[in-house]
Amino acid sequence: MKKTEIDKLSDKLVKAFLRNKIIAPLPLKYTKKIKNAQKFRKLCESKVNKQVVGFKAAGTAFAVMKKLKEKEPFYASVYKQNLLKSGKKVKINKSTLGIELEVCYIIKKNFFDVKGKLSSKNISKFISYMAPCIEIVGYRQRKKGITSFGDLCSDFGANVKFLVGAKKKYKKINIGNLKTNISNKKAEQSINGNTNTVFVNPLNSLLFVLKKLKKDKIYLNKDFYVFTGSTVGVVPITSKGLYVGKINKLGTVKTIIR
């Protein structure tokens, strides 16, 4: 049976994702509109025979949503091969967009058995740990910049690597107003941020992802991560070397860019 264009393109992107390669940009009809990009992303993810360890929220800054004329963020799967411990090295390329600093949660697998409506109050019982996280974002395509959510969404949510700092048992803190900073001393680069830039706050971003998982009937048989979105925006990587991310009351996370 002859393959359709969308099947051929998804095969190419999946191979690039698995082998850390770069391909030509996807046609705009698959990336410009978020609805089409979501469809393409889900097709690609269905072809990845690797362990899913969590999900990421993307496009969580209201300023970005307004600029790109979107009403809400989106989510994408995160695979075990892209999950690293704090301090590990990450190799970048010309399609790397930048580095982000986030709050991540570890969610108990019994979440998938929940019935009824989800709220910021009742999701707390499913959270076991929280941690600071660095995300390296970029394409598997030869293109730069962001012109739509579809650009990011269609390319596996543009997630390259996630580096997770020390986990802390979940407790209720004012997660909606914590100072954050990511820096590279060698590059004399230091960017301040705040958790209140993340879709109201990281807990609300978590709620958004969990609601989408329930709606899309996603199921995992293990505890999983949810990465809630950048507190500092997409920070350009101006120099290789050590990047250190700090989230007040939560901790520190590091990566070495090479």
Protein backbone atom coordinates (compact mmCIF):
# COMPACT_ATOMS: atom_id res chain seq x y z
CA MET A 1 0.00 0.00 0.00
CA LYS A 2 1.38 3.37 -1.04
CA LYS A 3 2.24 5.70 1.86
CA THR A 4 0.65 9.12 2.09
CA GLU A 5 2.71 12.29 2.34
CA ILE A 6 1.96 12.68 6.05
CA ASP A 7 3.13 9.12 6.70
CA LYS A 8 6.38 9.64 4.79
CA LEU A 9 7.11 12.92 6.57
CA SER A 10 6.29 11.52 10.00
CA ASP A 11 8.63 8.57 9.31
CA LYS A 12 11.44 11.01 8.47
CA LEU A 13 10.88 13.12 11.58
CA VAL A 14 10.70 10.07 13.84
CA LYS A 15 14.02 8.77 12.45
CA ALA A 16 15.57 12.20 13.01
CA PHE A 17 14.20 12.25 16.56
CA LEU A 18 15.58 8.81 17.39
CA ARG A 19 18.98 9.32 15.73
CA ASN A 20 19.51 12.95 16.72
CA LYS A 21 19.61 14.07 13.08
CA ILE A 22 18.32 17.12 11.23
CA ILE A 23 15.94 17.06 8.24
CA ALA A 24 14.47 19.64 5.87
CA PRO A 25 11.62 21.78 7.28
CA LEU A 26 8.13 20.29 7.25
CA PRO A 27 5.53 21.78 4.87
CA LEU A 28 3.58 24.66 6.42
CA LYS A 29 0.29 22.80 6.12
CA TYR A 30 1.45 20.54 8.97
CA THR A 31 2.95 23.23 11.17
CA LYS A 32 1.15 26.55 10.76
CA LYS A 33 -2.15 25.64 12.45
CA ILE A 34 -2.01 24.06 15.90
CA LYS A 35 -4.81 21.61 15.08
CA ASN A 36 -2.84 20.12 12.18
CA ALA A 37 0.38 20.19 14.20
CA GLN A 38 -1.29 18.27 17.03
CA LYS A 39 -2.43 15.62 14.59
CA PHE A 40 1.07 15.35 13.13
CA ARG A 41 2.70 15.17 16.58
CA LYS A 42 0.39 12.39 17.71
CA LEU A 43 1.10 10.42 14.54
CA CYS A 44 4.84 10.75 15.11
CA GLU A 45 4.57 9.77 18.76
CA SER A 46 2.57 6.67 17.82
CA LYS A 47 5.60 5.53 15.77
CA VAL A 48 8.18 5.94 18.55
CA ASN A 49 8.74 2.59 20.22
CA LYS A 50 10.40 4.10 23.29
CA GLN A 51 9.33 4.46 26.91
CA VAL A 52 7.28 7.56 27.69
CA VAL A 53 8.31 8.94 31.10
CA GLY A 54 6.18 12.05 31.16
CA PHE A 55 4.72 15.04 29.39
CA LYS A 56 5.62 18.67 28.89
CA ALA A 57 3.49 21.78 28.75
CA ALA A 58 4.61 24.25 26.09
CA GLY A 59 3.59 27.77 25.14
CA THR A 60 2.68 28.58 28.75
CA ALA A 61 3.56 32.30 28.67
CA PHE A 62 0.50 34.50 28.15
CA ALA A 63 2.56 37.07 26.21
CA VAL A 64 3.60 34.38 23.72
CA MET A 65 0.04 33.07 23.43
CA LYS A 66 -1.21 36.59 22.71
CA LYS A 67 1.53 37.25 20.17
CA LEU A 68 0.88 34.00 18.30
CA LYS A 69 -2.90 34.30 18.70
CA GLU A 70 -3.41 31.07 20.66
CA LYS A 71 -5.87 30.51 23.50
CA GLU A 72 -4.04 27.84 25.48
CA PRO A 73 -0.75 25.91 25.68
CA PHE A 74 -0.27 22.39 24.31
CA TYR A 75 1.44 19.27 25.57
CA ALA A 76 3.78 16.63 24.17
CA SER A 77 5.24 13.31 25.32
CA VAL A 78 8.68 13.06 26.94
CA TYR A 79 10.77 9.93 26.35
CA LYS A 80 13.26 8.22 28.64
CA GLN A 81 16.12 8.77 26.16
CA ASN A 82 15.73 12.53 26.63
CA LEU A 83 15.72 12.51 30.43
CA LEU A 84 19.04 13.21 32.20
CA LYS A 85 20.30 13.86 35.71
CA SER A 86 21.43 17.34 36.69
CA GLY A 87 25.00 18.10 35.62
CA LYS A 88 25.06 15.95 32.49
CA LYS A 89 26.43 17.19 29.15
CA VAL A 90 24.15 18.10 26.24
CA LYS A 91 25.37 18.57 22.68
CA ILE A 92 23.55 21.25 20.72
CA ASN A 93 23.31 22.11 17.01
CA LYS A 94 22.25 24.97 14.76
CA SER A 95 18.55 24.10 15.22
CA THR A 96 18.72 24.43 19.01
CA LEU A 97 16.43 27.28 20.09
CA GLY A 98 17.66 27.76 23.64
CA ILE A 99 17.49 26.73 27.27
CA GLU A 100 14.61 26.95 29.76
CA LEU A 101 14.21 26.69 33.54
CA GLU A 102 11.10 24.95 34.83
CA VAL A 103 9.29 23.37 37.74
CA CYS A 104 8.51 19.69 37.23
CA TYR A 105 6.25 17.34 39.17
CA ILE A 106 6.31 13.57 39.62
CA ILE A 107 2.76 12.22 39.46
CA LYS A 108 1.57 8.92 40.92
CA LYS A 109 0.33 6.37 38.41
CA ASN A 110 -3.02 6.07 40.23
CA PHE A 111 -3.88 9.41 38.60
CA PHE A 112 -4.97 7.38 35.57
CA ASP A 113 -7.68 5.75 37.68
CA VAL A 114 -9.24 9.06 38.70
CA LYS A 115 -12.88 9.72 37.93
CA GLY A 116 -14.69 13.01 38.03
CA LYS A 117 -13.45 16.54 37.50
CA LEU A 118 -9.89 17.64 38.20
CA SER A 119 -9.09 20.81 40.12
CA SER A 120 -6.03 22.51 41.59
CA LYS A 121 -7.16 21.23 44.99
CA ASN A 122 -7.73 17.56 44.23
CA ILE A 123 -4.68 17.03 41.98
CA SER A 124 -2.38 17.59 44.98
CA LYS A 125 -3.02 14.04 46.20
CA PHE A 126 -1.42 12.67 43.02
CA ILE A 127 1.82 14.66 43.37
CA SER A 128 4.65 12.77 45.07
CA TYR A 129 7.65 15.02 44.31
CA MET A 130 8.63 18.30 42.69
CA ALA A 131 11.99 19.45 41.32
CA PRO A 132 13.78 22.16 39.34
CA CYS A 133 14.40 21.27 35.71
CA ILE A 134 16.31 22.54 32.70
CA GLU A 135 14.89 21.90 29.26
CA ILE A 136 16.95 22.25 26.09
CA VAL A 137 14.58 23.12 23.26
CA GLY A 138 15.13 22.80 19.55
CA TYR A 139 14.02 21.34 16.24
CA ARG A 140 14.86 18.19 14.35
CA GLN A 141 14.49 20.43 11.28
CA ARG A 142 16.74 22.97 9.59
CA LYS A 143 14.89 26.05 10.74
CA LYS A 144 15.21 28.75 13.35
CA GLY A 145 12.82 30.83 15.39
CA ILE A 146 9.16 30.37 16.29
CA THR A 147 6.36 31.65 14.07
CA SER A 148 3.54 29.55 15.55
CA PHE A 149 2.77 27.01 18.25
CA GLY A 150 2.52 24.56 15.38
CA ASP A 151 6.26 24.93 14.71
CA LEU A 152 7.02 23.62 18.18
CA CYS A 153 4.16 21.16 18.54
CA SER A 154 4.71 19.32 15.26
CA ASP A 155 8.36 18.66 16.16
CA PHE A 156 7.74 16.62 19.32
CA GLY A 157 7.07 19.81 21.25
CA ALA A 158 10.64 20.87 20.38
CA ASN A 159 11.97 18.98 23.40
CA VAL A 160 15.62 17.93 23.09
CA LYS A 161 16.73 17.08 26.64
CA PHE A 162 15.41 17.46 30.19
CA LEU A 163 17.78 17.67 33.16
CA VAL A 164 16.17 17.16 36.56
CA GLY A 165 17.57 18.46 39.85
CA ALA A 166 17.14 16.95 43.30
CA LYS A 167 13.56 15.89 43.97
CA LYS A 168 11.73 17.18 47.02
CA LYS A 169 8.66 15.63 48.57
CA TYR A 170 5.66 17.63 47.51
CA LYS A 171 4.43 20.24 49.90
CA LYS A 172 2.22 23.25 49.40
CA ILE A 173 4.29 26.38 48.89
CA ASN A 174 3.51 29.61 47.06
CA ILE A 175 4.63 28.13 43.76
CA GLY A 176 3.05 31.04 41.91
CA ASN A 177 5.58 33.63 43.03
CA LEU A 178 9.08 32.20 43.25
CA LYS A 179 12.14 34.00 41.89
CA THR A 180 14.19 32.07 39.35
CA ASN A 181 17.52 32.55 37.58
CA ILE A 182 19.57 30.78 34.94
CA SER A 183 23.18 31.75 34.31
CA ASN A 184 26.41 30.97 32.52
CA LYS A 185 29.33 32.74 34.23
CA LYS A 186 31.68 32.13 31.31
CA ALA A 187 29.32 33.97 28.97
CA GLU A 188 28.49 36.61 31.61
CA GLN A 189 24.89 35.64 31.02
CA SER A 190 22.32 35.83 33.84
CA ILE A 191 18.55 35.90 33.28
CA ASN A 192 16.02 36.36 36.06
CA GLY A 193 12.49 35.03 35.97
CA ASN A 194 9.51 34.11 38.11
CA THR A 195 7.18 31.14 38.34
CA ASN A 196 4.22 33.50 37.87
CA THR A 197 4.98 33.66 34.12
CA VAL A 198 3.97 29.99 33.70
CA PHE A 199 0.26 29.90 32.75
CA VAL A 200 -0.71 31.68 36.01
CA ASN A 201 1.57 29.29 37.94
CA PRO A 202 3.20 25.84 37.52
CA LEU A 203 0.41 24.09 39.44
CA ASN A 204 -2.15 25.48 37.00
CA SER A 205 0.03 24.35 34.10
CA LEU A 206 0.14 20.87 35.66
CA LEU A 207 -3.65 20.88 35.92
CA PHE A 208 -3.89 21.80 32.23
CA VAL A 209 -1.70 18.84 31.21
CA LEU A 210 -3.53 16.36 33.44
CA LYS A 211 -6.89 17.44 32.04
CA LYS A 212 -5.59 16.94 28.50
CA LEU A 213 -4.24 13.48 29.35
CA LYS A 214 -7.61 12.50 30.73
CA LYS A 215 -9.44 13.92 27.70
CA ASP A 216 -7.11 12.13 25.27
CA LYS A 217 -7.41 8.87 27.26
CA ILE A 218 -3.66 8.58 27.79
CA TYR A 219 -2.53 5.84 30.16
CA LEU A 220 0.84 4.89 31.68
CA ASN A 221 1.51 2.07 34.13
CA LYS A 222 4.21 3.98 36.06
CA ASP A 223 4.63 7.25 37.94
CA PHE A 224 5.46 10.02 35.47
CA TYR A 225 6.88 13.53 35.10
CA VAL A 226 5.07 16.68 34.08
CA PHE A 227 7.24 19.60 33.00
CA THR A 228 5.25 22.80 33.41
CA GLY A 229 6.91 25.40 31.16
CA SER A 230 9.69 27.96 31.31
CA THR A 231 9.97 30.55 34.08
CA VAL A 232 12.58 32.53 32.10
CA GLY A 233 11.34 32.20 28.53
CA VAL A 234 13.53 30.61 25.87
CA VAL A 235 17.02 31.81 26.76
CA PRO A 236 19.48 31.85 23.83
CA ILE A 237 22.59 29.72 24.38
CA THR A 238 25.29 32.28 23.70
CA SER A 239 28.21 30.16 24.85
CA LYS A 240 29.02 26.56 25.64
CA GLY A 241 29.88 25.54 29.18
CA LEU A 242 28.05 25.29 32.49
CA TYR A 243 24.51 26.61 32.89
CA VAL A 244 23.05 26.78 36.40
CA GLY A 245 19.34 27.18 37.09
CA LYS A 246 18.00 28.21 40.50
CA ILE A 247 14.40 28.25 41.71
CA ASN A 248 13.84 29.84 45.11
CA LYS A 249 12.70 27.32 47.77
CA LEU A 250 12.96 24.47 45.28
CA GLY A 251 16.64 24.06 44.43
CA THR A 252 19.29 24.08 41.72
CA VAL A 253 19.78 22.23 38.44
CA LYS A 254 22.77 22.23 36.07
CA THR A 255 23.87 21.21 32.60
CA ILE A 256 27.05 21.46 30.55
CA ILE A 257 26.38 22.62 26.99
CA ARG A 258 28.88 21.43 24.41
